Amino acid sequence: MLNKQAIAKSGSEKLRDKIKKIKDGDVDDDKLSAPDKSLGDHGVYFFNDDVNSGSVGDAIRFILEANLDPDCHWDHITMIVNSPGGYCTDGFALIDIMMGSRIPIRTVGIGMIASMGLQIFISGEKGHRTLTPNCMILSHQYAGGSWGKEHELVAAQDEFDALTEMVLRHYKRTTGLSLEEIREHLLPPHDVWLTATKAKALGVCDNVKDIKPIHLKNKVIKKTAKTATTKKPSKTTKKTVKKATKKKK
């Protein structure tokens, strides 16, 4: 049997207990504000990993569940990105879900966003892609390789060409740069390291600022049912109707 003290308490009961303990001098004041909810409860997803099928799968699941939940009325989702990059195909799977989300997805870059991690970051809602001042950004051409018979290598080249076109198209769509500018500033033969300020100048982000928890707070869209109302005709309308009726007779 469970002891009564072992039974989970609701958030309000926990808060009352904390207040009582503070009054009794058993708990420090700063412990009163200890959160009872996770980031996900606030519509915030922390992408803090390499880009692979596992990390991308978790992010996709979070977005789809929010989109499909009839009781979810967030005005946006915040995705915080700190990633060294990874597999292109996995990254574009997440990007396609982000682009198709009915709930706008705002992105925040912290630490380092590199390679495919950068591609995910720039997929956020335009006007709401924020880099923290000390975030480092790396943009470079993808790396890959293949071996086999001649026909296999030809097929592999077709794959590389398709991937190159995909990356260039995505950069153009999200930054507004021309293909020539992208090749020069973001995808030259060498790695390109950018500060947050330089990234903003190239259209990679929209804002550079420190992030405070209040900035990540979601607003809930309240849906109100529309009720049909009928207006009573004005006095002038009534008179007009009477006159028209008399003429008709």
Protein backbone atom coordinates (compact mmCIF):
# COMPACT_ATOMS: atom_id res chain seq x y z
CA MET A 1 0.00 0.00 0.00
CA LEU A 2 1.06 3.56 -0.70
CA ASN A 3 1.74 5.95 2.09
CA LYS A 4 -0.44 9.10 1.84
CA GLN A 5 2.72 11.23 1.64
CA ALA A 6 3.80 9.30 -1.45
CA ILE A 7 0.71 10.24 -3.44
CA ALA A 8 1.47 12.92 -6.07
CA LYS A 9 0.05 16.33 -5.32
CA SER A 10 -1.36 18.84 -7.76
CA GLY A 11 0.60 21.96 -8.71
CA SER A 12 -1.59 24.21 -6.52
CA GLU A 13 -1.13 21.91 -3.50
CA LYS A 14 2.63 21.90 -4.01
CA LEU A 15 2.65 25.68 -4.15
CA ARG A 16 0.63 25.94 -0.94
CA ASP A 17 3.06 23.55 0.75
CA LYS A 18 6.02 25.67 -0.36
CA ILE A 19 4.39 28.85 0.93
CA LYS A 20 3.69 27.18 4.27
CA LYS A 21 7.29 25.97 4.52
CA ILE A 22 8.60 29.45 3.77
CA LYS A 23 6.40 30.92 6.47
CA ASP A 24 7.72 28.29 8.87
CA GLY A 25 11.28 29.10 7.79
CA ASP A 26 11.92 25.60 6.38
CA VAL A 27 12.56 26.65 2.74
CA ASP A 28 14.54 29.47 1.13
CA ASP A 29 12.49 32.10 -0.73
CA ASP A 30 14.17 31.35 -4.08
CA LYS A 31 12.85 27.78 -4.02
CA LEU A 32 9.29 29.05 -4.22
CA SER A 33 9.61 29.66 -7.95
CA ALA A 34 10.87 26.16 -8.78
CA PRO A 35 9.08 25.17 -12.01
CA ASP A 36 6.53 22.37 -12.03
CA LYS A 37 6.30 22.29 -15.86
CA SER A 38 8.76 21.24 -18.55
CA LEU A 39 9.85 23.31 -21.54
CA GLY A 40 7.47 21.34 -23.72
CA ASP A 41 4.53 22.47 -21.59
CA HIS A 42 5.40 26.04 -22.58
CA GLY A 43 5.72 25.26 -26.29
CA VAL A 44 9.53 25.27 -26.22
CA TYR A 45 11.66 22.55 -27.82
CA PHE A 46 15.42 22.37 -27.16
CA PHE A 47 17.26 20.82 -30.11
CA ASN A 48 20.63 20.16 -28.45
CA ASP A 49 22.19 17.34 -30.47
CA ASP A 50 23.69 16.19 -33.76
CA VAL A 51 21.26 16.08 -36.67
CA ASN A 52 20.35 12.42 -37.03
CA SER A 53 17.27 10.23 -37.29
CA GLY A 54 16.86 10.04 -33.51
CA SER A 55 17.13 13.74 -32.67
CA VAL A 56 15.09 14.75 -35.70
CA GLY A 57 12.42 12.16 -34.91
CA ASP A 58 11.87 13.62 -31.44
CA ALA A 59 11.52 17.15 -32.85
CA ILE A 60 9.13 16.04 -35.60
CA ARG A 61 7.00 14.19 -33.06
CA PHE A 62 6.79 17.30 -30.85
CA ILE A 63 5.65 19.50 -33.76
CA LEU A 64 3.13 17.02 -35.14
CA GLU A 65 1.57 16.33 -31.74
CA ALA A 66 1.11 20.07 -31.15
CA ASN A 67 -0.43 20.50 -34.61
CA LEU A 68 -2.83 17.58 -34.21
CA ASP A 69 -3.95 18.36 -30.67
CA PRO A 70 -7.36 20.12 -30.87
CA ASP A 71 -6.77 21.61 -27.41
CA CYS A 72 -3.42 23.16 -28.37
CA HIS A 73 -3.92 26.83 -29.15
CA TRP A 74 -0.33 28.13 -28.97
CA ASP A 75 0.32 31.13 -31.18
CA HIS A 76 3.82 29.74 -31.91
CA ILE A 77 6.39 27.08 -31.02
CA THR A 78 9.90 28.09 -29.99
CA MET A 79 12.75 25.83 -31.09
CA ILE A 80 16.11 26.50 -29.45
CA VAL A 81 18.96 25.14 -31.59
CA ASN A 82 22.47 24.25 -30.45
CA SER A 83 23.79 21.73 -32.96
CA PRO A 84 27.06 20.89 -34.76
CA GLY A 85 25.11 19.54 -37.74
CA GLY A 86 24.76 16.07 -39.15
CA TYR A 87 22.93 14.21 -41.90
CA CYS A 88 21.33 16.31 -44.67
CA THR A 89 18.41 13.98 -45.38
CA ASP A 90 17.43 13.83 -41.70
CA GLY A 91 17.72 17.60 -41.41
CA PHE A 92 15.51 18.25 -44.41
CA ALA A 93 12.90 15.86 -43.00
CA LEU A 94 12.60 18.16 -39.98
CA ILE A 95 12.71 21.29 -42.15
CA ASP A 96 9.77 20.08 -44.25
CA ILE A 97 7.71 19.49 -41.10
CA MET A 98 8.65 22.93 -39.74
CA MET A 99 7.65 24.62 -42.99
CA GLY A 100 4.32 22.80 -43.07
CA SER A 101 3.40 23.41 -39.42
CA ARG A 102 0.12 25.30 -38.92
CA ILE A 103 1.69 26.68 -35.73
CA PRO A 104 4.51 29.10 -36.65
CA ILE A 105 7.90 27.93 -35.42
CA ARG A 106 10.29 30.56 -34.11
CA THR A 107 13.95 29.64 -33.76
CA VAL A 108 16.65 30.69 -31.32
CA GLY A 109 20.32 29.90 -31.96
CA ILE A 110 22.66 29.49 -28.98
CA GLY A 111 26.16 28.10 -28.50
CA MET A 112 26.96 26.89 -32.01
CA ILE A 113 24.75 26.23 -35.00
CA ALA A 114 26.78 24.57 -37.72
CA SER A 115 26.15 22.97 -41.08
CA MET A 116 22.75 21.20 -41.00
CA GLY A 117 22.07 22.78 -37.62
CA LEU A 118 22.19 26.14 -39.38
CA GLN A 119 19.80 24.92 -42.07
CA ILE A 120 17.29 24.01 -39.35
CA PHE A 121 17.71 27.37 -37.61
CA ILE A 122 17.05 29.46 -40.73
CA SER A 123 13.84 27.49 -41.32
CA GLY A 124 12.15 29.39 -38.50
CA GLU A 125 9.44 31.97 -39.05
CA LYS A 126 10.87 35.04 -40.78
CA GLY A 127 11.10 37.99 -38.42
CA HIS A 128 11.46 35.64 -35.44
CA ARG A 129 14.84 33.93 -35.97
CA THR A 130 17.03 35.07 -33.10
CA LEU A 131 20.72 34.53 -32.38
CA THR A 132 22.24 35.19 -28.99
CA PRO A 133 25.28 37.55 -29.13
CA ASN A 134 27.82 34.79 -28.39
CA CYS A 135 26.44 32.21 -30.80
CA MET A 136 28.90 30.98 -33.45
CA ILE A 137 27.67 30.04 -36.90
CA LEU A 138 29.35 27.69 -39.38
CA SER A 139 28.29 27.39 -42.98
CA HIS A 140 30.01 25.07 -45.44
CA GLN A 141 29.45 22.72 -48.34
CA TYR A 142 28.20 19.27 -47.42
CA ALA A 143 30.68 16.38 -47.28
CA GLY A 144 30.09 12.98 -48.84
CA GLY A 145 31.67 10.19 -50.81
CA SER A 146 30.93 7.12 -52.88
CA TRP A 147 32.69 4.14 -54.43
CA GLY A 148 31.74 1.36 -56.82
CA LYS A 149 31.42 0.67 -60.52
CA GLU A 150 31.06 3.39 -63.13
CA HIS A 151 27.25 3.28 -63.26
CA GLU A 152 27.10 3.43 -59.46
CA LEU A 153 29.30 6.51 -59.38
CA VAL A 154 27.15 8.19 -62.05
CA ALA A 155 24.04 7.55 -59.92
CA ALA A 156 25.84 8.91 -56.85
CA GLN A 157 26.69 12.10 -58.76
CA ASP A 158 23.00 12.56 -59.55
CA GLU A 159 22.29 12.33 -55.83
CA PHE A 160 24.98 14.91 -55.01
CA ASP A 161 23.62 17.29 -57.66
CA ALA A 162 20.09 16.98 -56.28
CA LEU A 163 21.33 17.64 -52.74
CA THR A 164 23.33 20.67 -53.85
CA GLU A 165 20.25 22.11 -55.56
CA MET A 166 18.21 21.46 -52.40
CA VAL A 167 20.69 23.30 -50.16
CA LEU A 168 21.00 26.28 -52.51
CA ARG A 169 17.22 26.55 -52.90
CA HIS A 170 16.74 26.49 -49.14
CA TYR A 171 19.36 29.19 -48.54
CA LYS A 172 17.78 31.37 -51.22
CA ARG A 173 14.30 30.89 -49.79
CA THR A 174 15.27 31.73 -46.22
CA THR A 175 17.91 34.46 -46.67
CA GLY A 176 16.81 36.29 -49.80
CA LEU A 177 20.34 36.11 -51.24
CA SER A 178 21.00 35.31 -54.87
CA LEU A 179 22.70 32.05 -55.84
CA GLU A 180 25.88 33.97 -56.61
CA GLU A 181 25.84 35.64 -53.18
CA ILE A 182 25.20 32.32 -51.46
CA ARG A 183 28.16 30.72 -53.25
CA GLU A 184 30.37 33.66 -52.36
CA HIS A 185 29.42 34.30 -48.73
CA LEU A 186 27.94 31.05 -47.36
CA LEU A 187 29.06 28.14 -49.55
CA PRO A 188 32.57 28.85 -50.89
CA PRO A 189 35.18 26.04 -51.09
CA HIS A 190 36.22 26.74 -47.47
CA ASP A 191 34.42 26.81 -44.13
CA VAL A 192 32.74 30.10 -43.24
CA TRP A 193 32.54 31.12 -39.59
CA LEU A 194 30.18 33.96 -38.77
CA THR A 195 29.43 35.99 -35.68
CA ALA A 196 25.79 36.69 -34.92
CA THR A 197 26.17 40.25 -36.24
CA LYS A 198 27.66 39.12 -39.55
CA ALA A 199 24.99 36.45 -39.88
CA LYS A 200 22.27 39.08 -39.51
CA ALA A 201 23.86 41.19 -42.25
CA LEU A 202 23.59 38.20 -44.59
CA GLY A 203 19.95 37.55 -43.75
CA VAL A 204 20.69 34.37 -41.80
CA CYS A 205 18.84 35.70 -38.74
CA ASP A 206 16.44 38.53 -37.94
CA ASN A 207 17.48 39.50 -34.41
CA VAL A 208 20.59 39.40 -32.24
CA LYS A 209 19.82 39.70 -28.54
CA ASP A 210 20.01 38.02 -25.16
CA ILE A 211 17.13 35.67 -24.54
CA LYS A 212 15.13 35.96 -21.35
CA PRO A 213 12.54 33.35 -20.36
CA ILE A 214 9.73 35.86 -20.88
CA HIS A 215 10.72 36.11 -24.57
CA LEU A 216 9.92 32.42 -25.03
CA LYS A 217 6.50 32.58 -23.43
CA ASN A 218 3.65 31.39 -25.63
CA LYS A 219 0.34 33.13 -25.86
CA VAL A 220 -2.76 30.99 -26.01
CA ILE A 221 -5.18 31.82 -28.78
CA LYS A 222 -8.66 31.87 -27.30
CA LYS A 223 -11.31 30.74 -29.73
CA THR A 224 -14.69 32.38 -29.19
CA ALA A 225 -17.84 31.06 -30.80
CA LYS A 226 -19.54 33.51 -33.12
CA THR A 227 -23.20 34.08 -32.34
CA ALA A 228 -25.59 35.30 -34.99
CA THR A 229 -27.45 38.47 -34.04
CA THR A 230 -30.41 40.04 -35.77
CA LYS A 231 -30.75 43.77 -35.74
CA LYS A 232 -34.14 45.35 -35.24
CA PRO A 233 -35.07 47.60 -38.13
CA SER A 234 -34.76 51.29 -37.42
CA LYS A 235 -37.75 53.60 -37.33
CA THR A 236 -36.94 54.96 -40.76
CA THR A 237 -36.83 51.40 -42.12
CA LYS A 238 -40.26 50.63 -40.67
CA LYS A 239 -41.73 53.75 -42.24
CA THR A 240 -40.22 52.88 -45.61
CA VAL A 241 -41.69 49.38 -45.44
CA LYS A 242 -45.15 50.76 -44.63
CA LYS A 243 -45.00 53.24 -47.48
CA ALA A 244 -43.93 50.56 -49.91
CA THR A 245 -46.76 48.32 -48.75
CA LYS A 246 -49.36 51.05 -49.25
CA LYS A 247 -48.16 51.77 -52.78
CA LYS A 248 -48.27 48.09 -53.63
CA LYS A 249 -51.86 47.81 -52.48
